[in-house]
């Protein structure tokens, strides 16, 4: 047993639990901060509301669906990211 082990063994239970919970809580806070930054700076590659409004203004059903399909077209993945797998053809 090291002197540090003896020191930790003498801690009250609530202090020991709080020291064990600090790293996971810090990690969750970091993940939350990262998610907020992605949301706030618009780093996700999704169509904007104005683009949806343009499609919704089209009266012809077929043309409106084509507009929505164009908004949802596959995009090139980020550099270094894994792209979607090609469909399996029998």
C-alpha atoms as a PDB file:
ATOM      1  CA  UNK A   1       0.000   0.000   0.000  1.00  0.00           C
ATOM      2  CA  UNK A   2       1.313   3.429  -0.927  1.00  0.00           C
ATOM      3  CA  UNK A   3       0.895   6.534   1.211  1.00  0.00           C
ATOM      4  CA  UNK A   4      -1.619   7.788  -1.366  1.00  0.00           C
ATOM      5  CA  UNK A   5      -3.764   4.665  -0.853  1.00  0.00           C
ATOM      6  CA  UNK A   6      -3.780   5.280   2.896  1.00  0.00           C
ATOM      7  CA  UNK A   7      -4.734   8.889   2.272  1.00  0.00           C
ATOM      8  CA  UNK A   8      -7.607   7.903  -0.026  1.00  0.00           C
ATOM      9  CA  UNK A   9      -8.818   5.298   2.443  1.00  0.00           C
ATOM     10  CA  UNK A  10      -9.163   7.995   5.088  1.00  0.00           C
ATOM     11  CA  UNK A  11     -11.434  10.175   2.915  1.00  0.00           C
ATOM     12  CA  UNK A  12     -15.087  10.379   3.926  1.00  0.00           C
ATOM     13  CA  UNK A  13     -17.399   8.430   1.607  1.00  0.00           C
ATOM     14  CA  UNK A  14     -19.039  11.515   0.081  1.00  0.00           C
ATOM     15  CA  UNK A  15     -15.657  13.036  -0.802  1.00  0.00           C
ATOM     16  CA  UNK A  16     -14.510   9.772  -2.415  1.00  0.00           C
ATOM     17  CA  UNK A  17     -17.702   9.542  -4.478  1.00  0.00           C
ATOM     18  CA  UNK A  18     -17.418  13.155  -5.621  1.00  0.00           C
ATOM     19  CA  UNK A  19     -13.815  12.582  -6.721  1.00  0.00           C
ATOM     20  CA  UNK A  20     -14.892   9.515  -8.725  1.00  0.00           C
ATOM     21  CA  UNK A  21     -17.749  11.383 -10.436  1.00  0.00           C
ATOM     22  CA  UNK A  22     -15.753  14.435 -11.480  1.00  0.00           C
ATOM     23  CA  UNK A  23     -14.103  13.003 -14.662  1.00  0.00           C
ATOM     24  CA  UNK A  24     -17.348  11.613 -16.153  1.00  0.00           C
ATOM     25  CA  UNK A  25     -19.208  14.834 -15.359  1.00  0.00           C
ATOM     26  CA  UNK A  26     -16.424  16.849 -16.976  1.00  0.00           C
ATOM     27  CA  UNK A  27     -16.621  14.602 -20.044  1.00  0.00           C
ATOM     28  CA  UNK A  28     -20.384  15.054 -20.328  1.00  0.00           C
ATOM     29  CA  UNK A  29     -19.999  18.813 -20.032  1.00  0.00           C
ATOM     30  CA  UNK A  30     -17.407  18.709 -22.831  1.00  0.00           C
ATOM     31  CA  UNK A  31     -19.712  16.695 -25.082  1.00  0.00           C
ATOM     32  CA  UNK A  32     -22.526  19.139 -24.372  1.00  0.00           C
ATOM     33  CA  UNK A  33     -20.279  22.086 -25.206  1.00  0.00           C
ATOM     34  CA  UNK A  34     -19.227  20.447 -28.460  1.00  0.00           C
ATOM     35  CA  UNK A  35     -22.855  19.726 -29.420  1.00  0.00           C
ATOM     36  CA  UNK A  36     -23.792  23.322 -28.662  1.00  0.00           C
ATOM     37  CA  UNK A  37     -20.923  24.632 -30.814  1.00  0.00           C
ATOM     38  CA  UNK A  38     -21.985  22.457 -33.751  1.00  0.00           C
ATOM     39  CA  UNK A  39     -25.547  23.712 -33.401  1.00  0.00           C
ATOM     40  CA  UNK A  40     -24.613  27.368 -32.861  1.00  0.00           C
ATOM     41  CA  UNK A  41     -22.141  27.621 -35.733  1.00  0.00           C
ATOM     42  CA  UNK A  42     -24.274  25.557 -38.110  1.00  0.00           C
ATOM     43  CA  UNK A  43     -21.608  22.981 -38.825  1.00  0.00           C
ATOM     44  CA  UNK A  44     -24.157  20.362 -39.775  1.00  0.00           C
ATOM     45  CA  UNK A  45     -24.756  20.126 -43.511  1.00  0.00           C
ATOM     46  CA  UNK A  46     -28.561  20.309 -43.564  1.00  0.00           C
ATOM     47  CA  UNK A  47     -30.806  22.414 -45.790  1.00  0.00           C
ATOM     48  CA  UNK A  48     -31.885  25.773 -44.425  1.00  0.00           C
ATOM     49  CA  UNK A  49     -35.456  26.844 -43.699  1.00  0.00           C
ATOM     50  CA  UNK A  50     -35.437  29.218 -46.678  1.00  0.00           C
ATOM     51  CA  UNK A  51     -34.746  26.301 -49.013  1.00  0.00           C
ATOM     52  CA  UNK A  52     -37.696  24.395 -47.551  1.00  0.00           C
ATOM     53  CA  UNK A  53     -39.906  27.452 -48.002  1.00  0.00           C
ATOM     54  CA  UNK A  54     -38.970  27.656 -51.675  1.00  0.00           C
ATOM     55  CA  UNK A  55     -39.999  24.034 -52.167  1.00  0.00           C
ATOM     56  CA  UNK A  56     -43.228  24.423 -50.227  1.00  0.00           C
ATOM     57  CA  UNK A  57     -44.263  27.361 -52.451  1.00  0.00           C
ATOM     58  CA  UNK A  58     -44.352  25.109 -55.536  1.00  0.00           C
ATOM     59  CA  UNK A  59     -47.950  24.165 -56.414  1.00  0.00           C
ATOM     60  CA  UNK A  60     -47.234  21.223 -58.718  1.00  0.00           C
ATOM     61  CA  UNK A  61     -46.947  18.078 -56.574  1.00  0.00           C
ATOM     62  CA  UNK A  62     -44.348  16.357 -58.738  1.00  0.00           C
ATOM     63  CA  UNK A  63     -42.159  19.454 -59.028  1.00  0.00           C
ATOM     64  CA  UNK A  64     -42.391  20.063 -55.257  1.00  0.00           C
ATOM     65  CA  UNK A  65     -41.276  16.506 -54.506  1.00  0.00           C
ATOM     66  CA  UNK A  66     -38.379  16.859 -56.966  1.00  0.00           C
ATOM     67  CA  UNK A  67     -37.370  20.060 -55.144  1.00  0.00           C
ATOM     68  CA  UNK A  68     -37.392  18.255 -51.774  1.00  0.00           C
ATOM     69  CA  UNK A  69     -35.447  15.351 -53.277  1.00  0.00           C
ATOM     70  CA  UNK A  70     -32.796  17.785 -54.546  1.00  0.00           C
ATOM     71  CA  UNK A  71     -32.434  19.183 -51.030  1.00  0.00           C
ATOM     72  CA  UNK A  72     -31.880  15.675 -49.711  1.00  0.00           C
ATOM     73  CA  UNK A  73     -29.394  14.635 -52.387  1.00  0.00           C
ATOM     74  CA  UNK A  74     -26.325  12.761 -51.168  1.00  0.00           C
ATOM     75  CA  UNK A  75     -23.447  15.040 -50.255  1.00  0.00           C
ATOM     76  CA  UNK A  76     -19.744  14.394 -50.378  1.00  0.00           C
ATOM     77  CA  UNK A  77     -18.514  13.269 -46.940  1.00  0.00           C
ATOM     78  CA  UNK A  78     -15.932  15.366 -45.136  1.00  0.00           C
ATOM     79  CA  UNK A  79     -12.286  14.750 -46.008  1.00  0.00           C
ATOM     80  CA  UNK A  80     -11.106  11.679 -44.144  1.00  0.00           C
ATOM     81  CA  UNK A  81     -14.638  10.549 -43.243  1.00  0.00           C
ATOM     82  CA  UNK A  82     -16.027   7.219 -44.304  1.00  0.00           C
ATOM     83  CA  UNK A  83     -18.631   7.584 -47.027  1.00  0.00           C
ATOM     84  CA  UNK A  84     -21.831   5.578 -47.258  1.00  0.00           C
ATOM     85  CA  UNK A  85     -21.503   2.027 -48.479  1.00  0.00           C
ATOM     86  CA  UNK A  86     -22.667   1.378 -52.028  1.00  0.00           C
ATOM     87  CA  UNK A  87     -25.938  -0.533 -52.301  1.00  0.00           C
ATOM     88  CA  UNK A  88     -25.674  -4.308 -52.560  1.00  0.00           C
ATOM     89  CA  UNK A  89     -26.883  -5.475 -55.951  1.00  0.00           C
ATOM     90  CA  UNK A  90     -27.796  -9.165 -56.284  1.00  0.00           C
END
